[in-house]
PDB file of N, CA and C in Angstrom:
ATOM      1  N   MET A   1     124.778 264.780 -57.459  1.00  0.00           N
ATOM      2  CA  MET A   1     124.295 265.929 -56.731  1.00  0.00           C
ATOM      3  C   MET A   1     122.644 265.597 -56.752  1.00  0.00           C
ATOM      4  N   CYS A   2     122.158 264.908 -57.358  1.00  0.00           N
ATOM      5  CA  CYS A   2     120.897 264.597 -57.811  1.00  0.00           C
ATOM      6  C   CYS A   2     120.489 263.473 -56.703  1.00  0.00           C
ATOM      7  N   SER A   3     121.494 262.464 -56.821  1.00  0.00           N
ATOM      8  CA  SER A   3     121.211 261.369 -55.616  1.00  0.00           C
ATOM      9  C   SER A   3     121.243 261.630 -54.520  1.00  0.00           C
ATOM     10  N   ASN A   4     122.113 262.733 -54.066  1.00  0.00           N
ATOM     11  CA  ASN A   4     121.831 263.338 -52.631  1.00  0.00           C
ATOM     12  C   ASN A   4     120.691 263.950 -52.224  1.00  0.00           C
ATOM     13  N   VAL A   5     120.102 264.865 -53.211  1.00  0.00           N
ATOM     14  CA  VAL A   5     118.694 265.158 -52.983  1.00  0.00           C
ATOM     15  C   VAL A   5     117.623 264.095 -53.025  1.00  0.00           C
ATOM     16  N   PHE A   6     117.783 263.108 -53.698  1.00  0.00           N
ATOM     17  CA  PHE A   6     116.631 262.254 -53.791  1.00  0.00           C
ATOM     18  C   PHE A   6     116.705 261.353 -52.314  1.00  0.00           C
ATOM     19  N   PHE A   7     118.006 260.899 -52.080  1.00  0.00           N
ATOM     20  CA  PHE A   7     118.253 260.265 -51.053  1.00  0.00           C
ATOM     21  C   PHE A   7     117.868 261.145 -49.718  1.00  0.00           C
ATOM     22  N   ALA A   8     117.872 262.312 -49.506  1.00  0.00           N
ATOM     23  CA  ALA A   8     117.395 263.062 -48.494  1.00  0.00           C
ATOM     24  C   ALA A   8     115.909 263.273 -48.601  1.00  0.00           C
ATOM     25  N   MET A   9     115.345 263.328 -49.864  1.00  0.00           N
ATOM     26  CA  MET A   9     113.990 263.314 -49.893  1.00  0.00           C
ATOM     27  C   MET A   9     113.657 261.868 -49.404  1.00  0.00           C
ATOM     28  N   ARG A  10     114.218 260.843 -49.571  1.00  0.00           N
ATOM     29  CA  ARG A  10     113.707 259.620 -49.154  1.00  0.00           C
ATOM     30  C   ARG A  10     113.587 259.607 -47.902  1.00  0.00           C
ATOM     31  N   SER A  11     114.434 259.946 -46.988  1.00  0.00           N
ATOM     32  CA  SER A  11     114.480 260.146 -45.653  1.00  0.00           C
ATOM     33  C   SER A  11     113.547 260.935 -44.928  1.00  0.00           C
ATOM     34  N   ILE A  12     113.117 262.226 -45.513  1.00  0.00           N
ATOM     35  CA  ILE A  12     111.979 263.063 -45.227  1.00  0.00           C
ATOM     36  C   ILE A  12     110.543 262.068 -45.504  1.00  0.00           C
ATOM     37  N   MET A  13     110.587 261.600 -46.681  1.00  0.00           N
ATOM     38  CA  MET A  13     109.202 260.988 -46.893  1.00  0.00           C
ATOM     39  C   MET A  13     108.865 259.832 -45.804  1.00  0.00           C
ATOM     40  N   ARG A  14     110.217 258.965 -45.750  1.00  0.00           N
ATOM     41  CA  ARG A  14     110.031 257.962 -44.878  1.00  0.00           C
ATOM     42  C   ARG A  14     109.689 258.380 -43.417  1.00  0.00           C
ATOM     43  N   LYS A  15     110.108 259.503 -43.062  1.00  0.00           N
ATOM     44  CA  LYS A  15     109.855 259.866 -41.485  1.00  0.00           C
ATOM     45  C   LYS A  15     108.402 260.352 -41.474  1.00  0.00           C
ATOM     46  N   ASN A  16     107.724 261.022 -42.632  1.00  0.00           N
ATOM     47  CA  ASN A  16     106.357 261.389 -42.571  1.00  0.00           C
ATOM     48  C   ASN A  16     105.214 260.458 -42.795  1.00  0.00           C
ATOM     49  N   LEU A  17     105.637 259.221 -43.096  1.00  0.00           N
ATOM     50  CA  LEU A  17     104.694 258.276 -43.204  1.00  0.00           C
ATOM     51  C   LEU A  17     103.819 258.047 -42.090  1.00  0.00           C
ATOM     52  N   PRO A  18     102.593 257.856 -42.117  1.00  0.00           N
ATOM     53  CA  PRO A  18     101.640 257.615 -40.634  1.00  0.00           C
ATOM     54  C   PRO A  18     101.979 256.187 -40.431  1.00  0.00           C
ATOM     55  N   LYS A  19     101.586 255.950 -38.957  1.00  0.00           N
ATOM     56  CA  LYS A  19     101.918 254.807 -38.417  1.00  0.00           C
ATOM     57  C   LYS A  19     101.075 253.460 -38.774  1.00  0.00           C
ATOM     58  N   ASP A  20     100.028 253.929 -39.312  1.00  0.00           N
ATOM     59  CA  ASP A  20      98.747 252.849 -39.760  1.00  0.00           C
ATOM     60  C   ASP A  20      99.354 252.464 -41.257  1.00  0.00           C
ATOM     61  N   PHE A  21      99.873 253.398 -42.070  1.00  0.00           N
ATOM     62  CA  PHE A  21     100.434 252.979 -43.410  1.00  0.00           C
ATOM     63  C   PHE A  21     101.603 251.998 -43.144  1.00  0.00           C
ATOM     64  N   LYS A  22     102.053 252.144 -42.400  1.00  0.00           N
ATOM     65  CA  LYS A  22     103.519 251.151 -42.217  1.00  0.00           C
ATOM     66  C   LYS A  22     102.673 249.867 -41.586  1.00  0.00           C
ATOM     67  N   ALA A  23     101.824 249.695 -40.877  1.00  0.00           N
ATOM     68  CA  ALA A  23     101.151 248.524 -40.315  1.00  0.00           C
ATOM     69  C   ALA A  23     100.539 247.770 -41.467  1.00  0.00           C
ATOM     70  N   ARG A  24      99.781 248.626 -42.329  1.00  0.00           N
ATOM     71  CA  ARG A  24      98.984 248.063 -43.450  1.00  0.00           C
ATOM     72  C   ARG A  24      99.920 247.550 -44.286  1.00  0.00           C
ATOM     73  N   THR A  25     101.135 247.957 -44.669  1.00  0.00           N
ATOM     74  CA  THR A  25     101.850 247.879 -45.454  1.00  0.00           C
ATOM     75  C   THR A  25     103.129 246.804 -45.196  1.00  0.00           C
ATOM     76  N   ASN A  26     103.023 246.512 -43.975  1.00  0.00           N
ATOM     77  CA  ASN A  26     104.281 245.725 -43.306  1.00  0.00           C
ATOM     78  C   ASN A  26     105.462 246.174 -43.313  1.00  0.00           C
ATOM     79  N   LEU A  27     105.395 247.366 -43.216  1.00  0.00           N
ATOM     80  CA  LEU A  27     106.623 248.441 -43.071  1.00  0.00           C
ATOM     81  C   LEU A  27     107.102 248.519 -41.835  1.00  0.00           C
ATOM     82  N   SER A  28     106.760 247.990 -40.621  1.00  0.00           N
ATOM     83  CA  SER A  28     106.933 247.832 -39.478  1.00  0.00           C
ATOM     84  C   SER A  28     108.539 247.370 -39.034  1.00  0.00           C
ATOM     85  N   ASP A  29     108.756 246.540 -39.928  1.00  0.00           N
ATOM     86  CA  ASP A  29     110.185 246.089 -39.909  1.00  0.00           C
ATOM     87  C   ASP A  29     110.936 246.778 -40.743  1.00  0.00           C
ATOM     88  N   PRO A  30     112.320 247.245 -40.054  1.00  0.00           N
ATOM     89  CA  PRO A  30     113.104 248.267 -40.697  1.00  0.00           C
ATOM     90  C   PRO A  30     113.641 247.601 -41.807  1.00  0.00           C
ATOM     91  N   ALA A  31     114.004 246.681 -42.151  1.00  0.00           N
ATOM     92  CA  ALA A  31     114.279 246.023 -43.228  1.00  0.00           C
ATOM     93  C   ALA A  31     113.578 246.055 -44.311  1.00  0.00           C
ATOM     94  N   ASN A  32     112.209 245.620 -44.134  1.00  0.00           N
ATOM     95  CA  ASN A  32     111.440 246.058 -45.304  1.00  0.00           C
ATOM     96  C   ASN A  32     111.130 247.311 -45.898  1.00  0.00           C
ATOM     97  N   GLU A  33     111.126 248.250 -44.496  1.00  0.00           N
ATOM     98  CA  GLU A  33     111.082 249.989 -45.045  1.00  0.00           C
ATOM     99  C   GLU A  33     112.096 250.316 -45.678  1.00  0.00           C
ATOM    100  N   HIS A  34     113.493 249.730 -45.436  1.00  0.00           N
ATOM    101  CA  HIS A  34     114.757 250.365 -45.973  1.00  0.00           C
ATOM    102  C   HIS A  34     114.577 249.715 -47.492  1.00  0.00           C
ATOM    103  N   ALA A  35     114.158 248.738 -47.530  1.00  0.00           N
ATOM    104  CA  ALA A  35     114.508 247.804 -48.919  1.00  0.00           C
ATOM    105  C   ALA A  35     113.285 248.669 -49.784  1.00  0.00           C
ATOM    106  N   LEU A  36     112.274 249.259 -49.427  1.00  0.00           N
ATOM    107  CA  LEU A  36     111.236 249.696 -50.210  1.00  0.00           C
ATOM    108  C   LEU A  36     111.671 251.188 -50.455  1.00  0.00           C
ATOM    109  N   THR A  37     112.009 251.890 -49.465  1.00  0.00           N
ATOM    110  CA  THR A  37     112.513 253.214 -49.754  1.00  0.00           C
ATOM    111  C   THR A  37     113.825 253.215 -50.764  1.00  0.00           C
ATOM    112  N   THR A  38     114.800 252.339 -50.682  1.00  0.00           N
ATOM    113  CA  THR A  38     115.943 252.296 -51.430  1.00  0.00           C
ATOM    114  C   THR A  38     115.259 252.289 -52.864  1.00  0.00           C
ATOM    115  N   VAL A  39     114.612 251.210 -52.833  1.00  0.00           N
ATOM    116  CA  VAL A  39     114.086 250.850 -54.563  1.00  0.00           C
ATOM    117  C   VAL A  39     112.965 252.114 -55.138  1.00  0.00           C
ATOM    118  N   LEU A  40     112.373 252.764 -54.202  1.00  0.00           N
ATOM    119  CA  LEU A  40     111.502 253.816 -54.783  1.00  0.00           C
ATOM    120  C   LEU A  40     112.591 255.021 -55.261  1.00  0.00           C
ATOM    121  N   SER A  41     113.551 255.328 -54.083  1.00  0.00           N
ATOM    122  CA  SER A  41     114.431 256.351 -54.450  1.00  0.00           C
ATOM    123  C   SER A  41     115.269 256.093 -55.998  1.00  0.00           C
ATOM    124  N   SER A  42     115.369 255.040 -55.876  1.00  0.00           N
ATOM    125  CA  SER A  42     116.215 254.523 -57.381  1.00  0.00           C
ATOM    126  C   SER A  42     115.369 254.812 -58.721  1.00  0.00           C
ATOM    127  N   LEU A  43     114.142 254.467 -58.354  1.00  0.00           N
ATOM    128  CA  LEU A  43     113.365 254.796 -59.480  1.00  0.00           C
ATOM    129  C   LEU A  43     113.035 256.118 -59.891  1.00  0.00           C
ATOM    130  N   MET A  44     112.970 256.802 -58.573  1.00  0.00           N
ATOM    131  CA  MET A  44     112.799 258.371 -58.599  1.00  0.00           C
ATOM    132  C   MET A  44     113.766 258.952 -59.461  1.00  0.00           C
ATOM    133  N   ILE A  45     115.183 258.514 -59.303  1.00  0.00           N
ATOM    134  CA  ILE A  45     116.345 259.195 -59.905  1.00  0.00           C
ATOM    135  C   ILE A  45     116.676 258.732 -61.147  1.00  0.00           C
ATOM    136  N   LEU A  46     116.089 258.032 -61.666  1.00  0.00           N
ATOM    137  CA  LEU A  46     116.314 257.063 -62.977  1.00  0.00           C
ATOM    138  C   LEU A  46     116.225 257.852 -64.035  1.00  0.00           C
ATOM    139  N   PRO A  47     115.114 258.765 -64.012  1.00  0.00           N
ATOM    140  CA  PRO A  47     114.788 259.377 -65.467  1.00  0.00           C
ATOM    141  C   PRO A  47     115.419 260.786 -65.349  1.00  0.00           C
ATOM    142  N   PHE A  48     116.241 261.116 -64.275  1.00  0.00           N
ATOM    143  CA  PHE A  48     117.081 262.339 -64.111  1.00  0.00           C
ATOM    144  C   PHE A  48     118.362 261.403 -64.716  1.00  0.00           C
ATOM    145  N   ALA A  49     118.682 260.571 -64.297  1.00  0.00           N
ATOM    146  CA  ALA A  49     119.965 260.079 -64.546  1.00  0.00           C
ATOM    147  C   ALA A  49     119.997 259.897 -66.213  1.00  0.00           C
ATOM    148  N   LEU A  50     119.018 259.368 -66.800  1.00  0.00           N
ATOM    149  CA  LEU A  50     118.852 259.021 -68.330  1.00  0.00           C
ATOM    150  C   LEU A  50     118.643 260.377 -68.955  1.00  0.00           C
ATOM    151  N   SER A  51     118.020 261.302 -68.678  1.00  0.00           N
ATOM    152  CA  SER A  51     117.925 262.521 -69.234  1.00  0.00           C
ATOM    153  C   SER A  51     119.235 263.330 -69.523  1.00  0.00           C
ATOM    154  N   PHE A  52     120.383 263.338 -68.495  1.00  0.00           N
ATOM    155  CA  PHE A  52     121.332 263.904 -68.637  1.00  0.00           C
ATOM    156  C   PHE A  52     122.222 263.392 -69.455  1.00  0.00           C
ATOM    157  N   ASP A  53     122.065 261.918 -69.929  1.00  0.00           N
ATOM    158  CA  ASP A  53     123.009 261.522 -70.879  1.00  0.00           C
ATOM    159  C   ASP A  53     122.715 261.541 -72.406  1.00  0.00           C
ATOM    160  N   SER A  54     123.464 261.718 -73.197  1.00  0.00           N
ATOM    161  CA  SER A  54     123.129 261.780 -74.342  1.00  0.00           C
ATOM    162  C   SER A  54     122.827 260.554 -75.118  1.00  0.00           C
ATOM    163  N   VAL A  55     122.206 260.239 -76.422  1.00  0.00           N
ATOM    164  CA  VAL A  55     122.209 259.089 -76.976  1.00  0.00           C
ATOM    165  C   VAL A  55     123.404 258.163 -77.120  1.00  0.00           C
ATOM    166  N   PRO A  56     124.464 258.683 -77.551  1.00  0.00           N
ATOM    167  CA  PRO A  56     125.740 257.842 -77.311  1.00  0.00           C
ATOM    168  C   PRO A  56     126.169 257.391 -76.106  1.00  0.00           C
ATOM    169  N   ASN A  57     126.091 258.084 -75.217  1.00  0.00           N
ATOM    170  CA  ASN A  57     126.398 257.772 -73.966  1.00  0.00           C
ATOM    171  C   ASN A  57     125.223 256.614 -73.316  1.00  0.00           C
ATOM    172  N   MET A  58     124.493 256.206 -73.873  1.00  0.00           N
ATOM    173  CA  MET A  58     123.398 255.423 -73.292  1.00  0.00           C
ATOM    174  C   MET A  58     124.002 254.072 -73.128  1.00  0.00           C
ATOM    175  N   VAL A  59     125.039 253.468 -73.707  1.00  0.00           N
ATOM    176  CA  VAL A  59     125.790 252.455 -73.472  1.00  0.00           C
ATOM    177  C   VAL A  59     126.443 252.204 -72.219  1.00  0.00           C
ATOM    178  N   SER A  60     127.184 253.571 -71.945  1.00  0.00           N
ATOM    179  CA  SER A  60     127.720 253.872 -70.748  1.00  0.00           C
ATOM    180  C   SER A  60     126.935 253.966 -69.266  1.00  0.00           C
ATOM    181  N   THR A  61     125.665 254.561 -69.507  1.00  0.00           N
ATOM    182  CA  THR A  61     124.567 254.835 -68.907  1.00  0.00           C
ATOM    183  C   THR A  61     124.129 253.351 -68.480  1.00  0.00           C
ATOM    184  N   VAL A  62     123.978 252.390 -69.226  1.00  0.00           N
ATOM    185  CA  VAL A  62     123.489 251.036 -68.809  1.00  0.00           C
ATOM    186  C   VAL A  62     124.324 250.380 -68.006  1.00  0.00           C
ATOM    187  N   ALA A  63     125.743 250.504 -68.605  1.00  0.00           N
ATOM    188  CA  ALA A  63     126.924 250.043 -67.716  1.00  0.00           C
ATOM    189  C   ALA A  63     126.712 250.601 -66.321  1.00  0.00           C
ATOM    190  N   ALA A  64     126.751 252.044 -66.293  1.00  0.00           N
ATOM    191  CA  ALA A  64     126.654 252.476 -64.929  1.00  0.00           C
ATOM    192  C   ALA A  64     125.429 252.185 -64.005  1.00  0.00           C
ATOM    193  N   MET A  65     124.301 251.764 -64.839  1.00  0.00           N
ATOM    194  CA  MET A  65     123.195 251.550 -63.936  1.00  0.00           C
ATOM    195  C   MET A  65     123.421 249.941 -63.637  1.00  0.00           C
ATOM    196  N   TYR A  66     123.960 249.260 -64.331  1.00  0.00           N
ATOM    197  CA  TYR A  66     124.545 247.772 -63.782  1.00  0.00           C
ATOM    198  C   TYR A  66     125.324 247.844 -62.468  1.00  0.00           C
ATOM    199  N   VAL A  67     126.196 248.845 -62.851  1.00  0.00           N
ATOM    200  CA  VAL A  67     127.059 248.717 -61.521  1.00  0.00           C
ATOM    201  C   VAL A  67     126.512 249.443 -60.356  1.00  0.00           C
ATOM    202  N   MET A  68     125.520 250.316 -60.384  1.00  0.00           N
ATOM    203  CA  MET A  68     124.738 250.825 -59.497  1.00  0.00           C
ATOM    204  C   MET A  68     123.785 249.917 -58.945  1.00  0.00           C
ATOM    205  N   TRP A  69     123.175 248.585 -59.496  1.00  0.00           N
ATOM    206  CA  TRP A  69     122.498 247.868 -59.239  1.00  0.00           C
ATOM    207  C   TRP A  69     123.318 246.917 -58.305  1.00  0.00           C
ATOM    208  N   ILE A  70     124.346 246.472 -58.664  1.00  0.00           N
ATOM    209  CA  ILE A  70     125.139 245.579 -58.156  1.00  0.00           C
ATOM    210  C   ILE A  70     125.730 246.418 -56.721  1.00  0.00           C
ATOM    211  N   SER A  71     125.921 247.602 -56.742  1.00  0.00           N
ATOM    212  CA  SER A  71     126.379 248.278 -55.517  1.00  0.00           C
ATOM    213  C   SER A  71     125.120 248.182 -54.557  1.00  0.00           C
ATOM    214  N   SER A  72     123.905 248.555 -55.230  1.00  0.00           N
ATOM    215  CA  SER A  72     122.790 248.396 -54.106  1.00  0.00           C
ATOM    216  C   SER A  72     122.460 246.951 -53.603  1.00  0.00           C
ATOM    217  N   ILE A  73     122.670 246.175 -54.386  1.00  0.00           N
ATOM    218  CA  ILE A  73     122.386 244.735 -53.782  1.00  0.00           C
ATOM    219  C   ILE A  73     123.650 244.474 -52.773  1.00  0.00           C
ATOM    220  N   CYS A  74     124.845 244.839 -52.826  1.00  0.00           N
ATOM    221  CA  CYS A  74     125.797 244.744 -51.805  1.00  0.00           C
ATOM    222  C   CYS A  74     125.325 245.501 -50.645  1.00  0.00           C
ATOM    223  N   PHE A  75     125.119 246.613 -50.935  1.00  0.00           N
ATOM    224  CA  PHE A  75     124.708 247.557 -49.733  1.00  0.00           C
ATOM    225  C   PHE A  75     123.378 246.915 -48.996  1.00  0.00           C
ATOM    226  N   GLN A  76     122.554 246.261 -49.793  1.00  0.00           N
ATOM    227  CA  GLN A  76     121.430 245.822 -49.289  1.00  0.00           C
ATOM    228  C   GLN A  76     121.797 244.579 -48.238  1.00  0.00           C
ATOM    229  N   ASP A  77     122.819 243.627 -48.734  1.00  0.00           N
ATOM    230  CA  ASP A  77     123.387 242.497 -48.062  1.00  0.00           C
ATOM    231  C   ASP A  77     123.884 243.201 -47.005  1.00  0.00           C
ATOM    232  N   TYR A  78     124.689 244.049 -46.893  1.00  0.00           N
ATOM    233  CA  TYR A  78     125.664 244.534 -45.941  1.00  0.00           C
ATOM    234  C   TYR A  78     124.535 245.216 -44.692  1.00  0.00           C
ATOM    235  N   TYR A  79     123.474 245.827 -45.249  1.00  0.00           N
ATOM    236  CA  TYR A  79     122.614 246.281 -44.210  1.00  0.00           C
ATOM    237  C   TYR A  79     121.786 244.940 -43.444  1.00  0.00           C
ATOM    238  N   SER A  80     121.332 244.171 -44.221  1.00  0.00           N
ATOM    239  CA  SER A  80     120.824 242.629 -43.632  1.00  0.00           C
ATOM    240  C   SER A  80     121.742 241.997 -42.748  1.00  0.00           C
ATOM    241  N   VAL A  81     123.033 242.267 -42.859  1.00  0.00           N
ATOM    242  CA  VAL A  81     123.928 241.616 -41.943  1.00  0.00           C
ATOM    243  C   VAL A  81     124.034 242.521 -40.714  1.00  0.00           C
ATOM    244  N   GLN A  82     123.992 243.800 -40.891  1.00  0.00           N
ATOM    245  CA  GLN A  82     123.829 244.660 -39.526  1.00  0.00           C
ATOM    246  C   GLN A  82     122.789 244.291 -38.695  1.00  0.00           C
ATOM    247  N   LEU A  83     121.648 244.018 -39.273  1.00  0.00           N
ATOM    248  CA  LEU A  83     120.321 243.753 -38.421  1.00  0.00           C
ATOM    249  C   LEU A  83     120.647 242.417 -37.741  1.00  0.00           C
ATOM    250  N   LEU A  84     121.085 241.601 -38.267  1.00  0.00           N
ATOM    251  CA  LEU A  84     121.581 240.262 -37.623  1.00  0.00           C
ATOM    252  C   LEU A  84     122.090 240.472 -36.089  1.00  0.00           C
ATOM    253  N   HIS A  85     123.077 241.640 -35.779  1.00  0.00           N
ATOM    254  CA  HIS A  85     123.620 241.542 -34.940  1.00  0.00           C
ATOM    255  C   HIS A  85     122.718 242.324 -33.614  1.00  0.00           C
TER     256      HIS A  85
END
């Protein structure tokens, strides 16, 4: 549930960025913009994900974060291949 909220916030925040900000930070390229917003939204949700787990569950949380990281790398690669067409 939290991830859906943060990914929705990511889309809203990305839409409201001024055009000169995108030009200054080289976000005019859709791949750069998507990569940056994906990393930022993952960092925003990380404290909430860690706070909902108890200390004994931290090992499983780290394992889940590893799986999430691998999934995000696969998704980023998939998105990059889509841009090639």
